[in-house]
ModelCIF file with pLDDT and N, C-alpha, C, O atoms, coordinates in Angstrom:
data_MODEL
#
_entry.id   MODEL 
#
_entity.id                         1 
_entity.type                       polymer 
_entity.pdbx_number_of_molecules   1 
#
_entity_poly.entity_id                      1 
_entity_poly.type                           'polypeptide(L)' 
_entity_poly.nstd_linkage                   no 
_entity_poly.nstd_monomer                   no 
_entity_poly.pdbx_seq_one_letter_code       QDGSQKLGVWVRSDTQGIGTMTYLDLNGNFGALGHGIS 
_entity_poly.pdbx_seq_one_letter_code_can   QDGSQKLGVWVRSDTQGIGTMTYLDLNGNFGALGHGIS 
_entity_poly.pdbx_strand_id                 A 
#
loop_
_entity_poly_seq.entity_id 
_entity_poly_seq.num 
_entity_poly_seq.mon_id 
_entity_poly_seq.hetero 
1 1  GLN n 
1 2  ASP n 
1 3  GLY n 
1 4  SER n 
1 5  GLN n 
1 6  LYS n 
1 7  LEU n 
1 8  GLY n 
1 9  VAL n 
1 10 TRP n 
1 11 VAL n 
1 12 ARG n 
1 13 SER n 
1 14 ASP n 
1 15 THR n 
1 16 GLN n 
1 17 GLY n 
1 18 ILE n 
1 19 GLY n 
1 20 THR n 
1 21 MET n 
1 22 THR n 
1 23 TYR n 
1 24 LEU n 
1 25 ASP n 
1 26 LEU n 
1 27 ASN n 
1 28 GLY n 
1 29 ASN n 
1 30 PHE n 
1 31 GLY n 
1 32 ALA n 
1 33 LEU n 
1 34 GLY n 
1 35 HIS n 
1 36 GLY n 
1 37 ILE n 
1 38 SER n 
#
_struct_asym.id          A 
_struct_asym.entity_id   1 
#
loop_
_ma_qa_metric.id 
_ma_qa_metric.mode 
_ma_qa_metric.name 
_ma_qa_metric.software_group_id 
_ma_qa_metric.type 
1 global pLDDT . pLDDT 
2 local  pLDDT . pLDDT 
#
_ma_qa_metric_global.metric_id      1 
_ma_qa_metric_global.metric_value   91.13 
_ma_qa_metric_global.model_id       1 
_ma_qa_metric_global.ordinal_id     1 
#
loop_
_ma_qa_metric_local.label_asym_id 
_ma_qa_metric_local.label_comp_id 
_ma_qa_metric_local.label_seq_id 
_ma_qa_metric_local.metric_id 
_ma_qa_metric_local.metric_value 
_ma_qa_metric_local.model_id 
_ma_qa_metric_local.ordinal_id 
A GLN 1  2 77.00 1 1  
A ASP 2  2 78.00 1 2  
A GLY 3  2 79.00 1 3  
A SER 4  2 83.00 1 4  
A GLN 5  2 85.00 1 5  
A LYS 6  2 88.00 1 6  
A LEU 7  2 89.00 1 7  
A GLY 8  2 88.00 1 8  
A VAL 9  2 90.00 1 9  
A TRP 10 2 90.00 1 10 
A VAL 11 2 90.00 1 11 
A ARG 12 2 90.00 1 12 
A SER 13 2 88.00 1 13 
A ASP 14 2 89.00 1 14 
A THR 15 2 89.00 1 15 
A GLN 16 2 90.00 1 16 
A GLY 17 2 91.00 1 17 
A ILE 18 2 93.00 1 18 
A GLY 19 2 94.00 1 19 
A THR 20 2 96.00 1 20 
A MET 21 2 97.00 1 21 
A THR 22 2 98.00 1 22 
A TYR 23 2 97.00 1 23 
A LEU 24 2 97.00 1 24 
A ASP 25 2 95.00 1 25 
A LEU 26 2 93.00 1 26 
A ASN 27 2 93.00 1 27 
A GLY 28 2 94.00 1 28 
A ASN 29 2 96.00 1 29 
A PHE 30 2 97.00 1 30 
A GLY 31 2 97.00 1 31 
A ALA 32 2 97.00 1 32 
A LEU 33 2 95.00 1 33 
A GLY 34 2 94.00 1 34 
A HIS 35 2 95.00 1 35 
A GLY 36 2 93.00 1 36 
A ILE 37 2 91.00 1 37 
A SER 38 2 87.00 1 38 
#
loop_
_atom_site.group_PDB 
_atom_site.id 
_atom_site.type_symbol 
_atom_site.label_atom_id 
_atom_site.label_alt_id 
_atom_site.label_comp_id 
_atom_site.label_asym_id 
_atom_site.label_entity_id 
_atom_site.label_seq_id 
_atom_site.pdbx_PDB_ins_code 
_atom_site.Cartn_x 
_atom_site.Cartn_y 
_atom_site.Cartn_z 
_atom_site.occupancy 
_atom_site.B_iso_or_equiv 
_atom_site.pdbx_formal_charge 
_atom_site.auth_seq_id 
_atom_site.auth_comp_id 
_atom_site.auth_asym_id 
_atom_site.auth_atom_id 
_atom_site.pdbx_PDB_model_num 
ATOM 1   N N  . GLN A 1 1  ? 19.287  24.804  1.323  1.00 77.00 ? 1  GLN A N  1 
ATOM 2   C CA . GLN A 1 1  ? 20.622  25.239  0.914  1.00 77.00 ? 1  GLN A CA 1 
ATOM 3   C C  . GLN A 1 1  ? 20.798  25.246  -0.596 1.00 77.00 ? 1  GLN A C  1 
ATOM 4   O O  . GLN A 1 1  ? 21.624  25.987  -1.129 1.00 77.00 ? 1  GLN A O  1 
ATOM 5   N N  . ASP A 1 2  ? 20.008  24.408  -1.293 1.00 78.00 ? 2  ASP A N  1 
ATOM 6   C CA . ASP A 1 2  ? 20.108  24.388  -2.754 1.00 78.00 ? 2  ASP A CA 1 
ATOM 7   C C  . ASP A 1 2  ? 19.189  25.419  -3.412 1.00 78.00 ? 2  ASP A C  1 
ATOM 8   O O  . ASP A 1 2  ? 19.096  25.488  -4.638 1.00 78.00 ? 2  ASP A O  1 
ATOM 9   N N  . GLY A 1 3  ? 18.514  26.217  -2.585 1.00 79.00 ? 3  GLY A N  1 
ATOM 10  C CA . GLY A 1 3  ? 17.662  27.280  -3.111 1.00 79.00 ? 3  GLY A CA 1 
ATOM 11  C C  . GLY A 1 3  ? 16.221  26.893  -3.360 1.00 79.00 ? 3  GLY A C  1 
ATOM 12  O O  . GLY A 1 3  ? 15.421  27.742  -3.753 1.00 79.00 ? 3  GLY A O  1 
ATOM 13  N N  . SER A 1 4  ? 15.865  25.637  -3.145 1.00 83.00 ? 4  SER A N  1 
ATOM 14  C CA . SER A 1 4  ? 14.490  25.189  -3.379 1.00 83.00 ? 4  SER A CA 1 
ATOM 15  C C  . SER A 1 4  ? 13.632  25.398  -2.135 1.00 83.00 ? 4  SER A C  1 
ATOM 16  O O  . SER A 1 4  ? 14.144  25.454  -1.017 1.00 83.00 ? 4  SER A O  1 
ATOM 17  N N  . GLN A 1 5  ? 12.317  25.514  -2.343 1.00 85.00 ? 5  GLN A N  1 
ATOM 18  C CA . GLN A 1 5  ? 11.377  25.699  -1.246 1.00 85.00 ? 5  GLN A CA 1 
ATOM 19  C C  . GLN A 1 5  ? 10.883  24.339  -0.741 1.00 85.00 ? 5  GLN A C  1 
ATOM 20  O O  . GLN A 1 5  ? 10.562  23.450  -1.530 1.00 85.00 ? 5  GLN A O  1 
ATOM 21  N N  . LYS A 1 6  ? 10.828  24.196  0.581  1.00 88.00 ? 6  LYS A N  1 
ATOM 22  C CA . LYS A 1 6  ? 10.407  22.926  1.164  1.00 88.00 ? 6  LYS A CA 1 
ATOM 23  C C  . LYS A 1 6  ? 9.540   23.184  2.386  1.00 88.00 ? 6  LYS A C  1 
ATOM 24  O O  . LYS A 1 6  ? 9.604   24.245  3.007  1.00 88.00 ? 6  LYS A O  1 
ATOM 25  N N  . LEU A 1 7  ? 8.716   22.166  2.720  1.00 89.00 ? 7  LEU A N  1 
ATOM 26  C CA . LEU A 1 7  ? 7.822   22.263  3.874  1.00 89.00 ? 7  LEU A CA 1 
ATOM 27  C C  . LEU A 1 7  ? 8.315   21.448  5.062  1.00 89.00 ? 7  LEU A C  1 
ATOM 28  O O  . LEU A 1 7  ? 7.725   21.497  6.141  1.00 89.00 ? 7  LEU A O  1 
ATOM 29  N N  . GLY A 1 8  ? 9.405   20.695  4.863  1.00 88.00 ? 8  GLY A N  1 
ATOM 30  C CA . GLY A 1 8  ? 9.946   19.905  5.965  1.00 88.00 ? 8  GLY A CA 1 
ATOM 31  C C  . GLY A 1 8  ? 9.051   18.766  6.384  1.00 88.00 ? 8  GLY A C  1 
ATOM 32  O O  . GLY A 1 8  ? 8.866   18.525  7.577  1.00 88.00 ? 8  GLY A O  1 
ATOM 33  N N  . VAL A 1 9  ? 8.485   18.053  5.407  1.00 90.00 ? 9  VAL A N  1 
ATOM 34  C CA . VAL A 1 9  ? 7.601   16.934  5.710  1.00 90.00 ? 9  VAL A CA 1 
ATOM 35  C C  . VAL A 1 9  ? 7.942   15.751  4.818  1.00 90.00 ? 9  VAL A C  1 
ATOM 36  O O  . VAL A 1 9  ? 8.138   15.901  3.612  1.00 90.00 ? 9  VAL A O  1 
ATOM 37  N N  . TRP A 1 10 ? 8.009   14.574  5.427  1.00 90.00 ? 10 TRP A N  1 
ATOM 38  C CA . TRP A 1 10 ? 8.236   13.340  4.674  1.00 90.00 ? 10 TRP A CA 1 
ATOM 39  C C  . TRP A 1 10 ? 6.879   12.734  4.339  1.00 90.00 ? 10 TRP A C  1 
ATOM 40  O O  . TRP A 1 10 ? 6.016   12.610  5.209  1.00 90.00 ? 10 TRP A O  1 
ATOM 41  N N  . VAL A 1 11 ? 6.691   12.353  3.066  1.00 90.00 ? 11 VAL A N  1 
ATOM 42  C CA . VAL A 1 11 ? 5.384   11.861  2.627  1.00 90.00 ? 11 VAL A CA 1 
ATOM 43  C C  . VAL A 1 11 ? 5.534   10.607  1.769  1.00 90.00 ? 11 VAL A C  1 
ATOM 44  O O  . VAL A 1 11 ? 6.613   10.284  1.273  1.00 90.00 ? 11 VAL A O  1 
ATOM 45  N N  . ARG A 1 12 ? 4.400   9.912   1.616  1.00 90.00 ? 12 ARG A N  1 
ATOM 46  C CA . ARG A 1 12 ? 4.341   8.731   0.755  1.00 90.00 ? 12 ARG A CA 1 
ATOM 47  C C  . ARG A 1 12 ? 2.946   8.671   0.144  1.00 90.00 ? 12 ARG A C  1 
ATOM 48  O O  . ARG A 1 12 ? 1.957   8.930   0.830  1.00 90.00 ? 12 ARG A O  1 
ATOM 49  N N  . SER A 1 13 ? 2.860   8.333   -1.139 1.00 88.00 ? 13 SER A N  1 
ATOM 50  C CA . SER A 1 13 ? 1.542   8.285   -1.794 1.00 88.00 ? 13 SER A CA 1 
ATOM 51  C C  . SER A 1 13 ? 1.200   6.901   -2.338 1.00 88.00 ? 13 SER A C  1 
ATOM 52  O O  . SER A 1 13 ? 0.106   6.705   -2.866 1.00 88.00 ? 13 SER A O  1 
ATOM 53  N N  . ASP A 1 14 ? 2.110   5.943   -2.222 1.00 89.00 ? 14 ASP A N  1 
ATOM 54  C CA . ASP A 1 14 ? 1.796   4.575   -2.657 1.00 89.00 ? 14 ASP A CA 1 
ATOM 55  C C  . ASP A 1 14 ? 2.681   3.581   -1.916 1.00 89.00 ? 14 ASP A C  1 
ATOM 56  O O  . ASP A 1 14 ? 3.652   3.963   -1.262 1.00 89.00 ? 14 ASP A O  1 
ATOM 57  N N  . THR A 1 15 ? 2.338   2.320   -2.024 1.00 89.00 ? 15 THR A N  1 
ATOM 58  C CA . THR A 1 15 ? 3.122   1.258   -1.404 1.00 89.00 ? 15 THR A CA 1 
ATOM 59  C C  . THR A 1 15 ? 2.928   -0.017  -2.195 1.00 89.00 ? 15 THR A C  1 
ATOM 60  O O  . THR A 1 15 ? 1.917   -0.180  -2.877 1.00 89.00 ? 15 THR A O  1 
ATOM 61  N N  . GLN A 1 16 ? 3.885   -0.920  -2.110 1.00 90.00 ? 16 GLN A N  1 
ATOM 62  C CA . GLN A 1 16 ? 3.799   -2.185  -2.838 1.00 90.00 ? 16 GLN A CA 1 
ATOM 63  C C  . GLN A 1 16 ? 4.509   -3.295  -2.069 1.00 90.00 ? 16 GLN A C  1 
ATOM 64  O O  . GLN A 1 16 ? 5.332   -3.030  -1.193 1.00 90.00 ? 16 GLN A O  1 
ATOM 65  N N  . GLY A 1 17 ? 4.181   -4.533  -2.407 1.00 91.00 ? 17 GLY A N  1 
ATOM 66  C CA . GLY A 1 17 ? 4.802   -5.672  -1.750 1.00 91.00 ? 17 GLY A CA 1 
ATOM 67  C C  . GLY A 1 17 ? 4.227   -6.977  -2.270 1.00 91.00 ? 17 GLY A C  1 
ATOM 68  O O  . GLY A 1 17 ? 3.472   -7.001  -3.242 1.00 91.00 ? 17 GLY A O  1 
ATOM 69  N N  . ILE A 1 18 ? 4.599   -8.061  -1.606 1.00 93.00 ? 18 ILE A N  1 
ATOM 70  C CA . ILE A 1 18 ? 4.159   -9.407  -2.000 1.00 93.00 ? 18 ILE A CA 1 
ATOM 71  C C  . ILE A 1 18 ? 3.413   -10.048 -0.840 1.00 93.00 ? 18 ILE A C  1 
ATOM 72  O O  . ILE A 1 18 ? 3.859   -9.981  0.306  1.00 93.00 ? 18 ILE A O  1 
ATOM 73  N N  . GLY A 1 19 ? 2.288   -10.664 -1.135 1.00 94.00 ? 19 GLY A N  1 
ATOM 74  C CA . GLY A 1 19 ? 1.512   -11.379 -0.129 1.00 94.00 ? 19 GLY A CA 1 
ATOM 75  C C  . GLY A 1 19 ? 0.880   -12.611 -0.737 1.00 94.00 ? 19 GLY A C  1 
ATOM 76  O O  . GLY A 1 19 ? 1.198   -12.988 -1.865 1.00 94.00 ? 19 GLY A O  1 
ATOM 77  N N  . THR A 1 20 ? -0.014  -13.238 0.005  1.00 96.00 ? 20 THR A N  1 
ATOM 78  C CA . THR A 1 20 ? -0.640  -14.484 -0.438 1.00 96.00 ? 20 THR A CA 1 
ATOM 79  C C  . THR A 1 20 ? -2.151  -14.324 -0.514 1.00 96.00 ? 20 THR A C  1 
ATOM 80  O O  . THR A 1 20 ? -2.785  -13.799 0.400  1.00 96.00 ? 20 THR A O  1 
ATOM 81  N N  . MET A 1 21 ? -2.713  -14.789 -1.629 1.00 97.00 ? 21 MET A N  1 
ATOM 82  C CA . MET A 1 21 ? -4.158  -14.763 -1.825 1.00 97.00 ? 21 MET A CA 1 
ATOM 83  C C  . MET A 1 21 ? -4.801  -15.854 -0.954 1.00 97.00 ? 21 MET A C  1 
ATOM 84  O O  . MET A 1 21 ? -4.397  -17.016 -1.004 1.00 97.00 ? 21 MET A O  1 
ATOM 85  N N  . THR A 1 22 ? -5.797  -15.469 -0.164 1.00 98.00 ? 22 THR A N  1 
ATOM 86  C CA . THR A 1 22 ? -6.450  -16.421 0.736  1.00 98.00 ? 22 THR A CA 1 
ATOM 87  C C  . THR A 1 22 ? -7.579  -17.172 0.052  1.00 98.00 ? 22 THR A C  1 
ATOM 88  O O  . THR A 1 22 ? -7.582  -18.402 0.019  1.00 98.00 ? 22 THR A O  1 
ATOM 89  N N  . TYR A 1 23 ? -8.543  -16.431 -0.497 1.00 97.00 ? 23 TYR A N  1 
ATOM 90  C CA . TYR A 1 23 ? -9.705  -17.101 -1.075 1.00 97.00 ? 23 TYR A CA 1 
ATOM 91  C C  . TYR A 1 23 ? -10.230 -16.332 -2.272 1.00 97.00 ? 23 TYR A C  1 
ATOM 92  O O  . TYR A 1 23 ? -9.976  -15.140 -2.441 1.00 97.00 ? 23 TYR A O  1 
ATOM 93  N N  . LEU A 1 24 ? -10.962 -17.047 -3.084 1.00 97.00 ? 24 LEU A N  1 
ATOM 94  C CA . LEU A 1 24 ? -11.709 -16.483 -4.205 1.00 97.00 ? 24 LEU A CA 1 
ATOM 95  C C  . LEU A 1 24 ? -13.117 -17.042 -4.098 1.00 97.00 ? 24 LEU A C  1 
ATOM 96  O O  . LEU A 1 24 ? -13.309 -18.256 -4.175 1.00 97.00 ? 24 LEU A O  1 
ATOM 97  N N  . ASP A 1 25 ? -14.112 -16.163 -3.921 1.00 95.00 ? 25 ASP A N  1 
ATOM 98  C CA . ASP A 1 25 ? -15.469 -16.692 -3.767 1.00 95.00 ? 25 ASP A CA 1 
ATOM 99  C C  . ASP A 1 25 ? -16.098 -16.969 -5.129 1.00 95.00 ? 25 ASP A C  1 
ATOM 100 O O  . ASP A 1 25 ? -15.480 -16.721 -6.164 1.00 95.00 ? 25 ASP A O  1 
ATOM 101 N N  . LEU A 1 26 ? -17.316 -17.478 -5.128 1.00 93.00 ? 26 LEU A N  1 
ATOM 102 C CA . LEU A 1 26 ? -17.953 -17.924 -6.362 1.00 93.00 ? 26 LEU A CA 1 
ATOM 103 C C  . LEU A 1 26 ? -18.393 -16.767 -7.250 1.00 93.00 ? 26 LEU A C  1 
ATOM 104 O O  . LEU A 1 26 ? -18.810 -16.984 -8.388 1.00 93.00 ? 26 LEU A O  1 
ATOM 105 N N  . ASN A 1 27 ? -18.303 -15.535 -6.741 1.00 93.00 ? 27 ASN A N  1 
ATOM 106 C CA . ASN A 1 27 ? -18.640 -14.358 -7.529 1.00 93.00 ? 27 ASN A CA 1 
ATOM 107 C C  . ASN A 1 27 ? -17.410 -13.619 -8.040 1.00 93.00 ? 27 ASN A C  1 
ATOM 108 O O  . ASN A 1 27 ? -17.525 -12.554 -8.648 1.00 93.00 ? 27 ASN A O  1 
ATOM 109 N N  . GLY A 1 28 ? -16.228 -14.189 -7.790 1.00 94.00 ? 28 GLY A N  1 
ATOM 110 C CA . GLY A 1 28 ? -15.003 -13.565 -8.258 1.00 94.00 ? 28 GLY A CA 1 
ATOM 111 C C  . GLY A 1 28 ? -14.414 -12.550 -7.307 1.00 94.00 ? 28 GLY A C  1 
ATOM 112 O O  . GLY A 1 28 ? -13.466 -11.853 -7.669 1.00 94.00 ? 28 GLY A O  1 
ATOM 113 N N  . ASN A 1 29 ? -14.950 -12.442 -6.088 1.00 96.00 ? 29 ASN A N  1 
ATOM 114 C CA . ASN A 1 29 ? -14.387 -11.542 -5.085 1.00 96.00 ? 29 ASN A CA 1 
ATOM 115 C C  . ASN A 1 29 ? -13.280 -12.268 -4.319 1.00 96.00 ? 29 ASN A C  1 
ATOM 116 O O  . ASN A 1 29 ? -13.377 -13.470 -4.072 1.00 96.00 ? 29 ASN A O  1 
ATOM 117 N N  . PHE A 1 30 ? -12.232 -11.539 -3.945 1.00 97.00 ? 30 PHE A N  1 
ATOM 118 C CA . PHE A 1 30 ? -11.112 -12.179 -3.263 1.00 97.00 ? 30 PHE A CA 1 
ATOM 119 C C  . PHE A 1 30 ? -10.832 -11.520 -1.920 1.00 97.00 ? 30 PHE A C  1 
ATOM 120 O O  . PHE A 1 30 ? -11.229 -10.384 -1.663 1.00 97.00 ? 30 PHE A O  1 
ATOM 121 N N  . GLY A 1 31 ? -10.136 -12.269 -1.073 1.00 97.00 ? 31 GLY A N  1 
ATOM 122 C CA . GLY A 1 31 ? -9.581  -11.755 0.179  1.00 97.00 ? 31 GLY A CA 1 
ATOM 123 C C  . GLY A 1 31 ? -8.164  -12.249 0.303  1.00 97.00 ? 31 GLY A C  1 
ATOM 124 O O  . GLY A 1 31 ? -7.868  -13.380 -0.083 1.00 97.00 ? 31 GLY A O  1 
ATOM 125 N N  . ALA A 1 32 ? -7.277  -11.425 0.836  1.00 97.00 ? 32 ALA A N  1 
ATOM 126 C CA . ALA A 1 32 ? -5.872  -11.805 0.946  1.00 97.00 ? 32 ALA A CA 1 
ATOM 127 C C  . ALA A 1 32 ? -5.267  -11.245 2.232  1.00 97.00 ? 32 ALA A C  1 
ATOM 128 O O  . ALA A 1 32 ? -5.813  -10.326 2.842  1.00 97.00 ? 32 ALA A O  1 
ATOM 129 N N  . LEU A 1 33 ? -4.144  -11.809 2.627  1.00 95.00 ? 33 LEU A N  1 
ATOM 130 C CA . LEU A 1 33 ? -3.284  -11.373 3.734  1.00 95.00 ? 33 LEU A CA 1 
ATOM 131 C C  . LEU A 1 33 ? -3.810  -11.701 5.125  1.00 95.00 ? 33 LEU A C  1 
ATOM 132 O O  . LEU A 1 33 ? -3.063  -12.230 5.948  1.00 95.00 ? 33 LEU A O  1 
ATOM 133 N N  . GLY A 1 34 ? -5.080  -11.401 5.413  1.00 94.00 ? 34 GLY A N  1 
ATOM 134 C CA . GLY A 1 34 ? -5.594  -11.632 6.764  1.00 94.00 ? 34 GLY A CA 1 
ATOM 135 C C  . GLY A 1 34 ? -5.255  -10.510 7.733  1.00 94.00 ? 34 GLY A C  1 
ATOM 136 O O  . GLY A 1 34 ? -5.684  -10.532 8.887  1.00 94.00 ? 34 GLY A O  1 
ATOM 137 N N  . HIS A 1 35 ? -4.492  -9.537  7.274  1.00 95.00 ? 35 HIS A N  1 
ATOM 138 C CA . HIS A 1 35 ? -4.215  -8.330  8.054  1.00 95.00 ? 35 HIS A CA 1 
ATOM 139 C C  . HIS A 1 35 ? -4.078  -7.171  7.081  1.00 95.00 ? 35 HIS A C  1 
ATOM 140 O O  . HIS A 1 35 ? -3.865  -7.380  5.887  1.00 95.00 ? 35 HIS A O  1 
ATOM 141 N N  . GLY A 1 36 ? -4.199  -5.961  7.584  1.00 93.00 ? 36 GLY A N  1 
ATOM 142 C CA . GLY A 1 36 ? -4.093  -4.811  6.707  1.00 93.00 ? 36 GLY A CA 1 
ATOM 143 C C  . GLY A 1 36 ? -2.659  -4.507  6.325  1.00 93.00 ? 36 GLY A C  1 
ATOM 144 O O  . GLY A 1 36 ? -1.719  -4.928  7.000  1.00 93.00 ? 36 GLY A O  1 
ATOM 145 N N  . ILE A 1 37 ? -2.500  -3.767  5.229  1.00 91.00 ? 37 ILE A N  1 
ATOM 146 C CA . ILE A 1 37 ? -1.178  -3.275  4.846  1.00 91.00 ? 37 ILE A CA 1 
ATOM 147 C C  . ILE A 1 37 ? -0.968  -1.949  5.559  1.00 91.00 ? 37 ILE A C  1 
ATOM 148 O O  . ILE A 1 37 ? -1.689  -0.979  5.324  1.00 91.00 ? 37 ILE A O  1 
ATOM 149 N N  . SER A 1 38 ? 0.028   -1.923  6.429  1.00 87.00 ? 38 SER A N  1 
ATOM 150 C CA . SER A 1 38 ? 0.317   -0.736  7.221  1.00 87.00 ? 38 SER A CA 1 
ATOM 151 C C  . SER A 1 38 ? 1.555   -0.037  6.688  1.00 87.00 ? 38 SER A C  1 
ATOM 152 O O  . SER A 1 38 ? 1.963   0.991   7.227  1.00 87.00 ? 38 SER A O  1 
#
């Protein structure tokens, strides 16, 4: 209605939040959350 062209799709290209760091190994690699970010 405003004259712009659209495809009628909702999208997202990034996400952010707060979680807890689980471990840091002796080589500086880390693991966190224990589940994926969905």
